[in-house]
Amino acid sequence: MGGIRALGLMVFAVAAAGFVSSAIAQPFPNQPVRLYVPAAPGGPTDIPARLVSQIIPKLGQPGVVENRPGAGGAIAARFVASVTPDGYSLLVCNTSVLAVFPAVSASAGYDPIKDFAAVAKVSESYQILVLNPSLPYQSVGELVSYAKANPGKLTFAHTGPGGLPHLTGELFKALAGVDILGVSYKSGGESVAAVLGHQVDMTFESVTILLPLIRDRKLRALAITSHERTPLAPDLPTMIEAGVPDYEVTSFNGIVAPAGTPPPVVNLLNKTINDGLATPENKEAIAHLGAISNPGSPQDFAAFIAAQHRKWLQVAKSAHISID
């Protein structure tokens, strides 16, 4: 009797092992893929998340968007960094979350390089330097000449200490060798309104916010922050062309997974997202956001994130910017 029982236990054990092995061998994905957004619905990071959520089903499972705003994006970032690295929980990241916030806050609670595996870059956009058209400066060179002769007299609007628009202005000050005063507002819209209302002289803001006002000649555009001229505003010189060496500011959106996510899973997600972004419909959707799609490999995106973080860390240190 004992032999029969032992044989039965062996058969059960073998069957159970086979079941577990079969479960492990199931191809990715075999359940919904969740995209965690570090911002509220409807914003510039949420919209790319919705776009990617419509690409994920090409893998045979739904893409589910979950918004977890708060703490400058750190709540979502900390959460995704801590979950099982299996490809089912992804962070919809941006410049602020993976490059700027950790650069200005020692208490961010995550390392943008060590805690995540880069998956795919979704989009890149740029900022434009604009001023009130009543001011006499017709070029960046004229603006810089005045600023050098009159330190501290010119002002620029930004969206608060430690944010990307603030650091964008600080980078301009450092590379152009000028002293201009930053003035903080609650949003990009308020910053632009302050320029329109003559409360401040200039601001750096996104293409989508500014282009309609530039076309209506309510604001004067001097240069764009891209490395090369962009189809988003082909007539605008870059800051580098305008005489500010090495000046480039890009705002990106992308997808990262927890560190340790298996490379085959990362590569599959990368290929699927890149292929989805290449469709005419999605290219048009990204252009509607005032952005372009420039996809590459996970390794390309990882190097890009690391370079962006190093850049803003140096700017923050040089300008003594910390929000802790």
C-alpha atoms as a PDB file:
ATOM      1  CA  MET A   1       0.000   0.000   0.000  1.00  0.00           C
ATOM      2  CA  GLY A   2       2.855   2.318   0.934  1.00  0.00           C
ATOM      3  CA  GLY A   3       4.494   1.634  -2.427  1.00  0.00           C
ATOM      4  CA  ILE A   4       1.334   2.536  -4.301  1.00  0.00           C
ATOM      5  CA  ARG A   5       0.991   5.755  -2.295  1.00  0.00           C
ATOM      6  CA  ALA A   6       4.616   6.660  -2.951  1.00  0.00           C
ATOM      7  CA  LEU A   7       4.147   5.978  -6.658  1.00  0.00           C
ATOM      8  CA  GLY A   8       1.059   8.177  -6.667  1.00  0.00           C
ATOM      9  CA  LEU A   9       2.967  11.023  -4.998  1.00  0.00           C
ATOM     10  CA  MET A  10       5.723  10.692  -7.579  1.00  0.00           C
ATOM     11  CA  VAL A  11       3.216  10.852 -10.433  1.00  0.00           C
ATOM     12  CA  PHE A  12       1.601  13.922  -8.856  1.00  0.00           C
ATOM     13  CA  ALA A  13       4.989  15.585  -8.385  1.00  0.00           C
ATOM     14  CA  VAL A  14       5.967  14.957 -11.994  1.00  0.00           C
ATOM     15  CA  ALA A  15       2.621  16.268 -13.237  1.00  0.00           C
ATOM     16  CA  ALA A  16       2.887  19.363 -11.025  1.00  0.00           C
ATOM     17  CA  ALA A  17       6.406  20.023 -12.242  1.00  0.00           C
ATOM     18  CA  GLY A  18       5.206  19.706 -15.812  1.00  0.00           C
ATOM     19  CA  PHE A  19       2.391  22.178 -15.123  1.00  0.00           C
ATOM     20  CA  VAL A  20       4.790  24.711 -13.574  1.00  0.00           C
ATOM     21  CA  SER A  21       7.239  24.258 -16.435  1.00  0.00           C
ATOM     22  CA  SER A  22       4.431  24.775 -18.932  1.00  0.00           C
ATOM     23  CA  ALA A  23       3.303  27.925 -17.112  1.00  0.00           C
ATOM     24  CA  ILE A  24       6.822  29.315 -17.088  1.00  0.00           C
ATOM     25  CA  ALA A  25       7.271  28.509 -20.762  1.00  0.00           C
ATOM     26  CA  GLN A  26       4.157  30.416 -21.805  1.00  0.00           C
ATOM     27  CA  PRO A  27       5.217  33.150 -24.198  1.00  0.00           C
ATOM     28  CA  PHE A  28       5.144  36.819 -23.202  1.00  0.00           C
ATOM     29  CA  PRO A  29       2.636  38.320 -22.845  1.00  0.00           C
ATOM     30  CA  ASN A  30      -0.039  36.067 -21.399  1.00  0.00           C
ATOM     31  CA  GLN A  31      -1.801  38.803 -19.404  1.00  0.00           C
ATOM     32  CA  PRO A  32      -2.479  42.546 -19.812  1.00  0.00           C
ATOM     33  CA  VAL A  33       0.492  44.900 -19.903  1.00  0.00           C
ATOM     34  CA  ARG A  34       0.060  47.870 -17.564  1.00  0.00           C
ATOM     35  CA  LEU A  35       1.403  51.307 -18.441  1.00  0.00           C
ATOM     36  CA  TYR A  36       1.875  53.518 -15.384  1.00  0.00           C
ATOM     37  CA  VAL A  37       1.686  57.246 -16.116  1.00  0.00           C
ATOM     38  CA  PRO A  38       3.326  59.655 -13.624  1.00  0.00           C
ATOM     39  CA  ALA A  39       0.750  62.364 -14.379  1.00  0.00           C
ATOM     40  CA  ALA A  40      -2.972  63.012 -14.510  1.00  0.00           C
ATOM     41  CA  PRO A  41      -5.110  61.989 -17.514  1.00  0.00           C
ATOM     42  CA  GLY A  42      -5.015  64.210 -20.578  1.00  0.00           C
ATOM     43  CA  GLY A  43      -1.556  65.695 -20.181  1.00  0.00           C
ATOM     44  CA  PRO A  44       1.495  65.557 -22.451  1.00  0.00           C
ATOM     45  CA  THR A  45       2.672  62.285 -20.885  1.00  0.00           C
ATOM     46  CA  ASP A  46      -0.734  60.647 -20.706  1.00  0.00           C
ATOM     47  CA  ILE A  47      -1.443  61.044 -24.429  1.00  0.00           C
ATOM     48  CA  PRO A  48       1.653  59.059 -25.566  1.00  0.00           C
ATOM     49  CA  ALA A  49       0.674  56.415 -22.999  1.00  0.00           C
ATOM     50  CA  ARG A  50      -2.733  56.053 -24.651  1.00  0.00           C
ATOM     51  CA  LEU A  51      -1.037  55.774 -28.023  1.00  0.00           C
ATOM     52  CA  VAL A  52       1.263  52.970 -26.822  1.00  0.00           C
ATOM     53  CA  SER A  53      -1.681  51.234 -25.126  1.00  0.00           C
ATOM     54  CA  GLN A  54      -3.228  50.903 -28.601  1.00  0.00           C
ATOM     55  CA  ILE A  55      -0.018  49.340 -29.955  1.00  0.00           C
ATOM     56  CA  ILE A  56       0.424  46.720 -27.199  1.00  0.00           C
ATOM     57  CA  PRO A  57      -2.600  44.633 -28.343  1.00  0.00           C
ATOM     58  CA  LYS A  58      -0.564  43.641 -31.412  1.00  0.00           C
ATOM     59  CA  LEU A  59       1.090  41.222 -28.964  1.00  0.00           C
ATOM     60  CA  GLY A  60      -2.257  39.581 -28.214  1.00  0.00           C
ATOM     61  CA  GLN A  61      -2.953  41.212 -24.839  1.00  0.00           C
ATOM     62  CA  PRO A  62      -4.478  44.576 -23.899  1.00  0.00           C
ATOM     63  CA  GLY A  63      -2.433  47.573 -22.817  1.00  0.00           C
ATOM     64  CA  VAL A  64      -3.942  49.118 -19.693  1.00  0.00           C
ATOM     65  CA  VAL A  65      -3.144  52.717 -18.703  1.00  0.00           C
ATOM     66  CA  GLU A  66      -3.017  53.569 -14.999  1.00  0.00           C
ATOM     67  CA  ASN A  67      -2.424  57.178 -13.911  1.00  0.00           C
ATOM     68  CA  ARG A  68      -0.402  57.601 -10.720  1.00  0.00           C
ATOM     69  CA  PRO A  69       0.412  61.308 -10.459  1.00  0.00           C
ATOM     70  CA  GLY A  70       2.196  62.962  -7.582  1.00  0.00           C
ATOM     71  CA  ALA A  71       5.574  63.958  -6.166  1.00  0.00           C
ATOM     72  CA  GLY A  72       6.856  65.191  -9.514  1.00  0.00           C
ATOM     73  CA  GLY A  73       6.314  61.765 -11.058  1.00  0.00           C
ATOM     74  CA  ALA A  74       8.200  59.957  -8.293  1.00  0.00           C
ATOM     75  CA  ILE A  75       5.172  57.987  -7.047  1.00  0.00           C
ATOM     76  CA  ALA A  76       4.770  56.112 -10.327  1.00  0.00           C
ATOM     77  CA  ALA A  77       8.533  55.785 -10.833  1.00  0.00           C
ATOM     78  CA  ARG A  78       9.127  54.314  -7.371  1.00  0.00           C
ATOM     79  CA  PHE A  79       6.272  51.887  -7.836  1.00  0.00           C
ATOM     80  CA  VAL A  80       7.430  50.542 -11.198  1.00  0.00           C
ATOM     81  CA  ALA A  81      11.031  50.315  -9.972  1.00  0.00           C
ATOM     82  CA  SER A  82       9.863  48.020  -7.152  1.00  0.00           C
ATOM     83  CA  VAL A  83       7.626  45.551  -9.026  1.00  0.00           C
ATOM     84  CA  THR A  84       8.508  42.163 -10.496  1.00  0.00           C
ATOM     85  CA  PRO A  85      10.634  42.702 -13.631  1.00  0.00           C
ATOM     86  CA  ASP A  86       8.545  40.590 -15.972  1.00  0.00           C
ATOM     87  CA  GLY A  87       7.457  43.138 -18.599  1.00  0.00           C
ATOM     88  CA  TYR A  88       3.885  43.442 -17.362  1.00  0.00           C
ATOM     89  CA  SER A  89       4.437  46.744 -15.518  1.00  0.00           C
ATOM     90  CA  LEU A  90       5.947  49.607 -17.524  1.00  0.00           C
ATOM     91  CA  LEU A  91       6.595  53.256 -16.718  1.00  0.00           C
ATOM     92  CA  VAL A  92       5.627  55.906 -19.234  1.00  0.00           C
ATOM     93  CA  CYS A  93       8.573  58.197 -18.605  1.00  0.00           C
ATOM     94  CA  ASN A  94       9.524  61.718 -19.639  1.00  0.00           C
ATOM     95  CA  THR A  95      12.420  64.132 -19.293  1.00  0.00           C
ATOM     96  CA  SER A  96      11.217  65.434 -15.951  1.00  0.00           C
ATOM     97  CA  VAL A  97      10.848  62.014 -14.321  1.00  0.00           C
ATOM     98  CA  LEU A  98      13.997  60.312 -15.620  1.00  0.00           C
ATOM     99  CA  ALA A  99      16.397  63.206 -16.130  1.00  0.00           C
ATOM    100  CA  VAL A 100      15.434  66.399 -14.298  1.00  0.00           C
ATOM    101  CA  PHE A 101      13.695  65.422 -11.039  1.00  0.00           C
ATOM    102  CA  PRO A 102      16.427  62.997  -9.897  1.00  0.00           C
ATOM    103  CA  ALA A 103      18.977  65.691 -10.794  1.00  0.00           C
ATOM    104  CA  VAL A 104      17.436  68.313  -8.487  1.00  0.00           C
ATOM    105  CA  SER A 105      16.191  66.044  -5.689  1.00  0.00           C
ATOM    106  CA  ALA A 106      18.395  63.742  -3.635  1.00  0.00           C
ATOM    107  CA  SER A 107      15.226  62.244  -2.152  1.00  0.00           C
ATOM    108  CA  ALA A 108      13.595  61.240  -5.449  1.00  0.00           C
ATOM    109  CA  GLY A 109      13.627  57.649  -4.225  1.00  0.00           C
ATOM    110  CA  TYR A 110      14.820  56.002  -7.429  1.00  0.00           C
ATOM    111  CA  ASP A 111      17.864  55.911  -9.682  1.00  0.00           C
ATOM    112  CA  PRO A 112      16.909  56.645 -13.313  1.00  0.00           C
ATOM    113  CA  ILE A 113      19.798  54.555 -14.627  1.00  0.00           C
ATOM    114  CA  LYS A 114      20.098  51.614 -12.213  1.00  0.00           C
ATOM    115  CA  ASP A 115      16.414  51.029 -11.430  1.00  0.00           C
ATOM    116  CA  PHE A 116      15.037  50.799 -14.968  1.00  0.00           C
ATOM    117  CA  ALA A 117      15.563  48.966 -18.232  1.00  0.00           C
ATOM    118  CA  ALA A 118      15.048  51.245 -21.234  1.00  0.00           C
ATOM    119  CA  VAL A 119      12.443  49.877 -23.658  1.00  0.00           C
ATOM    120  CA  ALA A 120      11.531  52.435 -26.325  1.00  0.00           C
ATOM    121  CA  LYS A 121      11.621  56.164 -26.962  1.00  0.00           C
ATOM    122  CA  VAL A 122       8.191  57.299 -28.128  1.00  0.00           C
ATOM    123  CA  SER A 123       8.663  60.964 -28.994  1.00  0.00           C
ATOM    124  CA  GLU A 124      10.852  64.035 -28.707  1.00  0.00           C
ATOM    125  CA  SER A 125       9.806  67.660 -28.676  1.00  0.00           C
ATOM    126  CA  TYR A 126      11.569  70.969 -28.194  1.00  0.00           C
ATOM    127  CA  GLN A 127      11.146  74.400 -26.764  1.00  0.00           C
ATOM    128  CA  ILE A 128      11.193  77.793 -28.426  1.00  0.00           C
ATOM    129  CA  LEU A 129      12.693  80.975 -27.014  1.00  0.00           C
ATOM    130  CA  VAL A 130      10.062  83.685 -27.386  1.00  0.00           C
ATOM    131  CA  LEU A 131       9.687  87.260 -26.235  1.00  0.00           C
ATOM    132  CA  ASN A 132       7.119  89.998 -26.382  1.00  0.00           C
ATOM    133  CA  PRO A 133       7.224  91.580 -29.866  1.00  0.00           C
ATOM    134  CA  SER A 134       7.346  95.062 -28.344  1.00  0.00           C
ATOM    135  CA  LEU A 135      10.959  94.370 -27.329  1.00  0.00           C
ATOM    136  CA  PRO A 136      13.541  95.447 -29.899  1.00  0.00           C
ATOM    137  CA  TYR A 137      15.609  92.248 -30.121  1.00  0.00           C
ATOM    138  CA  GLN A 138      15.287  90.534 -33.487  1.00  0.00           C
ATOM    139  CA  SER A 139      17.792  87.746 -32.850  1.00  0.00           C
ATOM    140  CA  VAL A 140      19.387  85.762 -30.060  1.00  0.00           C
ATOM    141  CA  GLY A 141      22.620  87.663 -30.730  1.00  0.00           C
ATOM    142  CA  GLU A 142      20.945  91.024 -30.094  1.00  0.00           C
ATOM    143  CA  LEU A 143      19.307  89.669 -26.947  1.00  0.00           C
ATOM    144  CA  VAL A 144      22.599  88.311 -25.630  1.00  0.00           C
ATOM    145  CA  SER A 145      24.434  91.557 -26.392  1.00  0.00           C
ATOM    146  CA  TYR A 146      21.888  93.547 -24.386  1.00  0.00           C
ATOM    147  CA  ALA A 147      21.914  91.037 -21.531  1.00  0.00           C
ATOM    148  CA  LYS A 148      25.711  91.149 -21.275  1.00  0.00           C
ATOM    149  CA  ALA A 149      25.665  94.948 -21.193  1.00  0.00           C
ATOM    150  CA  ASN A 150      22.795  95.013 -18.689  1.00  0.00           C
ATOM    151  CA  PRO A 151      23.206  92.095 -16.256  1.00  0.00           C
ATOM    152  CA  GLY A 152      20.126  91.246 -14.219  1.00  0.00           C
ATOM    153  CA  LYS A 153      17.738  93.462 -16.166  1.00  0.00           C
ATOM    154  CA  LEU A 154      16.113  90.867 -18.405  1.00  0.00           C
ATOM    155  CA  THR A 155      13.668  88.302 -17.003  1.00  0.00           C
ATOM    156  CA  PHE A 156      12.465  84.876 -18.115  1.00  0.00           C
ATOM    157  CA  ALA A 157       9.367  82.998 -16.965  1.00  0.00           C
ATOM    158  CA  HIS A 158       9.465  79.351 -15.919  1.00  0.00           C
ATOM    159  CA  THR A 159       7.181  76.848 -14.213  1.00  0.00           C
ATOM    160  CA  GLY A 160       8.866  76.637 -10.843  1.00  0.00           C
ATOM    161  CA  PRO A 161      12.257  75.884  -9.296  1.00  0.00           C
ATOM    162  CA  GLY A 162      13.851  72.681 -10.523  1.00  0.00           C
ATOM    163  CA  GLY A 163      11.525  72.103 -13.483  1.00  0.00           C
ATOM    164  CA  LEU A 164      12.699  71.646 -17.048  1.00  0.00           C
ATOM    165  CA  PRO A 165      11.765  75.226 -18.142  1.00  0.00           C
ATOM    166  CA  HIS A 166      13.772  76.571 -15.193  1.00  0.00           C
ATOM    167  CA  LEU A 167      16.825  74.479 -16.056  1.00  0.00           C
ATOM    168  CA  THR A 168      16.394  75.393 -19.732  1.00  0.00           C
ATOM    169  CA  GLY A 169      16.818  79.047 -18.770  1.00  0.00           C
ATOM    170  CA  GLU A 170      19.752  78.273 -16.509  1.00  0.00           C
ATOM    171  CA  LEU A 171      21.476  76.416 -19.333  1.00  0.00           C
ATOM    172  CA  PHE A 172      20.959  79.447 -21.563  1.00  0.00           C
ATOM    173  CA  LYS A 173      22.500  81.701 -18.927  1.00  0.00           C
ATOM    174  CA  ALA A 174      25.523  79.429 -18.584  1.00  0.00           C
ATOM    175  CA  LEU A 175      26.217  78.837 -22.280  1.00  0.00           C
ATOM    176  CA  ALA A 176      25.431  82.388 -23.432  1.00  0.00           C
ATOM    177  CA  GLY A 177      27.319  83.920 -20.505  1.00  0.00           C
ATOM    178  CA  VAL A 178      24.470  86.188 -19.406  1.00  0.00           C
ATOM    179  CA  ASP A 179      22.759  87.110 -16.154  1.00  0.00           C
ATOM    180  CA  ILE A 180      18.967  87.091 -16.499  1.00  0.00           C
ATOM    181  CA  LEU A 181      16.423  86.710 -13.731  1.00  0.00           C
ATOM    182  CA  GLY A 182      14.063  83.740 -13.559  1.00  0.00           C
ATOM    183  CA  VAL A 183      10.483  84.360 -12.450  1.00  0.00           C
ATOM    184  CA  SER A 184       8.354  81.423 -11.321  1.00  0.00           C
ATOM    185  CA  TYR A 185       4.778  80.706 -12.438  1.00  0.00           C
ATOM    186  CA  LYS A 186       2.444  77.756 -11.851  1.00  0.00           C
ATOM    187  CA  SER A 187       2.242  76.514 -15.428  1.00  0.00           C
ATOM    188  CA  GLY A 188       3.514  76.976 -18.953  1.00  0.00           C
ATOM    189  CA  GLY A 189       0.297  78.776 -19.816  1.00  0.00           C
ATOM    190  CA  GLU A 190       0.853  81.308 -17.026  1.00  0.00           C
ATOM    191  CA  SER A 191       4.453  81.796 -18.118  1.00  0.00           C
ATOM    192  CA  VAL A 192       3.349  82.588 -21.658  1.00  0.00           C
ATOM    193  CA  ALA A 193       0.600  84.891 -20.390  1.00  0.00           C
ATOM    194  CA  ALA A 194       3.215  86.768 -18.363  1.00  0.00           C
ATOM    195  CA  VAL A 195       5.252  87.379 -21.527  1.00  0.00           C
ATOM    196  CA  LEU A 196       2.145  88.463 -23.430  1.00  0.00           C
ATOM    197  CA  GLY A 197       1.240  90.808 -20.581  1.00  0.00           C
ATOM    198  CA  HIS A 198       4.726  92.382 -20.337  1.00  0.00           C
ATOM    199  CA  GLN A 199       5.318  91.066 -16.792  1.00  0.00           C
ATOM    200  CA  VAL A 200       8.456  89.266 -18.003  1.00  0.00           C
ATOM    201  CA  ASP A 201      10.579  89.592 -21.111  1.00  0.00           C
ATOM    202  CA  MET A 202      10.866  86.024 -22.410  1.00  0.00           C
ATOM    203  CA  THR A 203      10.251  82.351 -21.828  1.00  0.00           C
ATOM    204  CA  PHE A 204      11.153  78.922 -23.152  1.00  0.00           C
ATOM    205  CA  GLU A 205       8.074  76.823 -23.819  1.00  0.00           C
ATOM    206  CA  SER A 206       6.820  73.918 -25.895  1.00  0.00           C
ATOM    207  CA  VAL A 207       6.181  74.105 -29.606  1.00  0.00           C
ATOM    208  CA  THR A 208       2.488  73.252 -29.275  1.00  0.00           C
ATOM    209  CA  ILE A 209       1.758  76.092 -26.861  1.00  0.00           C
ATOM    210  CA  LEU A 210       3.749  78.694 -28.775  1.00  0.00           C
ATOM    211  CA  LEU A 211       3.281  78.097 -32.506  1.00  0.00           C
ATOM    212  CA  PRO A 212      -0.261  79.542 -32.740  1.00  0.00           C
ATOM    213  CA  LEU A 213       0.853  82.691 -30.884  1.00  0.00           C
ATOM    214  CA  ILE A 214       3.942  83.002 -33.069  1.00  0.00           C
ATOM    215  CA  ARG A 215       1.871  82.670 -36.243  1.00  0.00           C
ATOM    216  CA  ASP A 216      -0.501  85.376 -34.964  1.00  0.00           C
ATOM    217  CA  ARG A 217       2.556  87.566 -34.203  1.00  0.00           C
ATOM    218  CA  LYS A 218       1.598  87.859 -30.565  1.00  0.00           C
ATOM    219  CA  LEU A 219       5.020  86.500 -29.675  1.00  0.00           C
ATOM    220  CA  ARG A 220       8.364  86.777 -31.444  1.00  0.00           C
ATOM    221  CA  ALA A 221      10.292  83.520 -31.803  1.00  0.00           C
ATOM    222  CA  LEU A 222      14.083  83.769 -31.777  1.00  0.00           C
ATOM    223  CA  ALA A 223      15.242  80.141 -31.870  1.00  0.00           C
ATOM    224  CA  ILE A 224      14.332  76.533 -31.187  1.00  0.00           C
ATOM    225  CA  THR A 225      16.209  74.283 -28.778  1.00  0.00           C
ATOM    226  CA  SER A 226      16.685  71.301 -31.107  1.00  0.00           C
ATOM    227  CA  HIS A 227      20.157  70.301 -32.291  1.00  0.00           C
ATOM    228  CA  GLU A 228      19.122  70.625 -35.924  1.00  0.00           C
ATOM    229  CA  ARG A 229      16.247  72.478 -37.539  1.00  0.00           C
ATOM    230  CA  THR A 230      13.004  70.622 -37.110  1.00  0.00           C
ATOM    231  CA  PRO A 231      10.009  70.118 -39.402  1.00  0.00           C
ATOM    232  CA  LEU A 232       7.904  71.369 -36.507  1.00  0.00           C
ATOM    233  CA  ALA A 233       9.202  74.897 -37.210  1.00  0.00           C
ATOM    234  CA  PRO A 234      11.566  74.713 -40.208  1.00  0.00           C
ATOM    235  CA  ASP A 235      12.112  78.478 -40.513  1.00  0.00           C
ATOM    236  CA  LEU A 236      13.416  78.852 -36.966  1.00  0.00           C
ATOM    237  CA  PRO A 237      17.170  78.702 -36.408  1.00  0.00           C
ATOM    238  CA  THR A 238      18.469  76.453 -33.678  1.00  0.00           C
ATOM    239  CA  MET A 239      20.022  78.036 -30.599  1.00  0.00           C
ATOM    240  CA  ILE A 240      23.362  76.718 -31.843  1.00  0.00           C
ATOM    241  CA  GLU A 241      22.884  78.416 -35.231  1.00  0.00           C
ATOM    242  CA  ALA A 242      21.863  81.561 -33.361  1.00  0.00           C
ATOM    243  CA  GLY A 243      25.209  81.714 -31.598  1.00  0.00           C
ATOM    244  CA  VAL A 244      24.829  79.749 -28.337  1.00  0.00           C
ATOM    245  CA  PRO A 245      27.338  76.887 -28.615  1.00  0.00           C
ATOM    246  CA  ASP A 246      26.249  73.375 -27.607  1.00  0.00           C
ATOM    247  CA  TYR A 247      22.780  74.550 -26.593  1.00  0.00           C
ATOM    248  CA  GLU A 248      20.215  71.784 -26.999  1.00  0.00           C
ATOM    249  CA  VAL A 249      17.124  70.971 -24.948  1.00  0.00           C
ATOM    250  CA  THR A 250      14.858  68.066 -25.797  1.00  0.00           C
ATOM    251  CA  SER A 251      11.755  66.849 -24.007  1.00  0.00           C
ATOM    252  CA  PHE A 252      11.148  63.147 -24.473  1.00  0.00           C
ATOM    253  CA  ASN A 253       8.496  60.553 -23.716  1.00  0.00           C
ATOM    254  CA  GLY A 254       9.275  56.863 -23.611  1.00  0.00           C
ATOM    255  CA  ILE A 255       8.742  53.489 -22.001  1.00  0.00           C
ATOM    256  CA  VAL A 256      10.951  51.823 -19.385  1.00  0.00           C
ATOM    257  CA  ALA A 257      10.585  48.609 -17.400  1.00  0.00           C
ATOM    258  CA  PRO A 258      11.958  47.619 -14.002  1.00  0.00           C
ATOM    259  CA  ALA A 259      15.651  46.748 -14.025  1.00  0.00           C
ATOM    260  CA  GLY A 260      16.151  43.040 -14.546  1.00  0.00           C
ATOM    261  CA  THR A 261      13.368  42.617 -17.097  1.00  0.00           C
ATOM    262  CA  PRO A 262      14.506  39.797 -19.432  1.00  0.00           C
ATOM    263  CA  PRO A 263      16.171  41.148 -22.594  1.00  0.00           C
ATOM    264  CA  PRO A 264      13.943  39.071 -24.927  1.00  0.00           C
ATOM    265  CA  VAL A 265      10.888  40.724 -23.359  1.00  0.00           C
ATOM    266  CA  VAL A 266      12.454  44.183 -23.654  1.00  0.00           C
ATOM    267  CA  ASN A 267      13.407  43.544 -27.284  1.00  0.00           C
ATOM    268  CA  LEU A 268       9.922  42.281 -28.163  1.00  0.00           C
ATOM    269  CA  LEU A 269       8.310  45.355 -26.597  1.00  0.00           C
ATOM    270  CA  ASN A 270      10.802  47.627 -28.354  1.00  0.00           C
ATOM    271  CA  LYS A 271      10.123  46.133 -31.793  1.00  0.00           C
ATOM    272  CA  THR A 272       6.358  46.167 -31.307  1.00  0.00           C
ATOM    273  CA  ILE A 273       6.291  49.789 -30.141  1.00  0.00           C
ATOM    274  CA  ASN A 274       8.698  50.968 -32.832  1.00  0.00           C
ATOM    275  CA  ASP A 275       6.682  49.223 -35.561  1.00  0.00           C
ATOM    276  CA  GLY A 276       3.488  50.761 -34.187  1.00  0.00           C
ATOM    277  CA  LEU A 277       4.978  54.252 -34.098  1.00  0.00           C
ATOM    278  CA  ALA A 278       6.000  53.952 -37.748  1.00  0.00           C
ATOM    279  CA  THR A 279       2.431  53.926 -39.077  1.00  0.00           C
ATOM    280  CA  PRO A 280       1.240  57.116 -40.810  1.00  0.00           C
ATOM    281  CA  GLU A 281      -1.612  57.467 -38.308  1.00  0.00           C
ATOM    282  CA  ASN A 282       0.668  57.382 -35.286  1.00  0.00           C
ATOM    283  CA  LYS A 283       3.242  59.656 -36.902  1.00  0.00           C
ATOM    284  CA  GLU A 284       0.464  62.164 -37.453  1.00  0.00           C
ATOM    285  CA  ALA A 285      -0.758  61.741 -33.864  1.00  0.00           C
ATOM    286  CA  ILE A 286       2.733  62.478 -32.536  1.00  0.00           C
ATOM    287  CA  ALA A 287       3.112  65.492 -34.839  1.00  0.00           C
ATOM    288  CA  HIS A 288      -0.186  66.761 -33.402  1.00  0.00           C
ATOM    289  CA  LEU A 289       1.583  66.858 -30.024  1.00  0.00           C
ATOM    290  CA  GLY A 290       4.289  69.079 -31.470  1.00  0.00           C
ATOM    291  CA  ALA A 291       6.725  66.181 -31.393  1.00  0.00           C
ATOM    292  CA  ILE A 292       8.578  63.790 -33.660  1.00  0.00           C
ATOM    293  CA  SER A 293       9.216  60.066 -33.401  1.00  0.00           C
ATOM    294  CA  ASN A 294      12.829  58.963 -33.564  1.00  0.00           C
ATOM    295  CA  PRO A 295      12.797  55.300 -32.468  1.00  0.00           C
ATOM    296  CA  GLY A 296      15.829  53.167 -31.828  1.00  0.00           C
ATOM    297  CA  SER A 297      17.030  50.154 -29.871  1.00  0.00           C
ATOM    298  CA  PRO A 298      16.725  49.753 -26.092  1.00  0.00           C
ATOM    299  CA  GLN A 299      20.466  50.395 -25.909  1.00  0.00           C
ATOM    300  CA  ASP A 300      20.066  53.656 -27.826  1.00  0.00           C
ATOM    301  CA  PHE A 301      17.336  54.798 -25.453  1.00  0.00           C
ATOM    302  CA  ALA A 302      19.351  53.792 -22.370  1.00  0.00           C
ATOM    303  CA  ALA A 303      22.326  55.842 -23.567  1.00  0.00           C
ATOM    304  CA  PHE A 304      20.015  58.769 -24.333  1.00  0.00           C
ATOM    305  CA  ILE A 305      18.468  58.706 -20.833  1.00  0.00           C
ATOM    306  CA  ALA A 306      21.897  58.517 -19.195  1.00  0.00           C
ATOM    307  CA  ALA A 307      23.167  61.481 -21.244  1.00  0.00           C
ATOM    308  CA  GLN A 308      20.083  63.559 -20.410  1.00  0.00           C
ATOM    309  CA  HIS A 309      20.427  62.829 -16.704  1.00  0.00           C
ATOM    310  CA  ARG A 310      24.134  63.731 -16.681  1.00  0.00           C
ATOM    311  CA  LYS A 311      23.392  66.959 -18.507  1.00  0.00           C
ATOM    312  CA  TRP A 312      20.711  68.215 -16.130  1.00  0.00           C
ATOM    313  CA  LEU A 313      22.621  67.032 -13.079  1.00  0.00           C
ATOM    314  CA  GLN A 314      25.526  69.236 -14.162  1.00  0.00           C
ATOM    315  CA  VAL A 315      23.231  72.216 -14.837  1.00  0.00           C
ATOM    316  CA  ALA A 316      21.542  71.803 -11.442  1.00  0.00           C
ATOM    317  CA  LYS A 317      24.890  71.582  -9.638  1.00  0.00           C
ATOM    318  CA  SER A 318      26.354  74.572 -11.466  1.00  0.00           C
ATOM    319  CA  ALA A 319      23.271  76.698 -10.763  1.00  0.00           C
ATOM    320  CA  HIS A 320      22.960  75.385  -7.165  1.00  0.00           C
ATOM    321  CA  ILE A 321      19.398  74.187  -7.783  1.00  0.00           C
ATOM    322  CA  SER A 322      17.893  71.739  -5.306  1.00  0.00           C
ATOM    323  CA  ILE A 323      14.263  71.258  -4.324  1.00  0.00           C
ATOM    324  CA  ASP A 324      14.968  69.182  -1.166  1.00  0.00           C
END
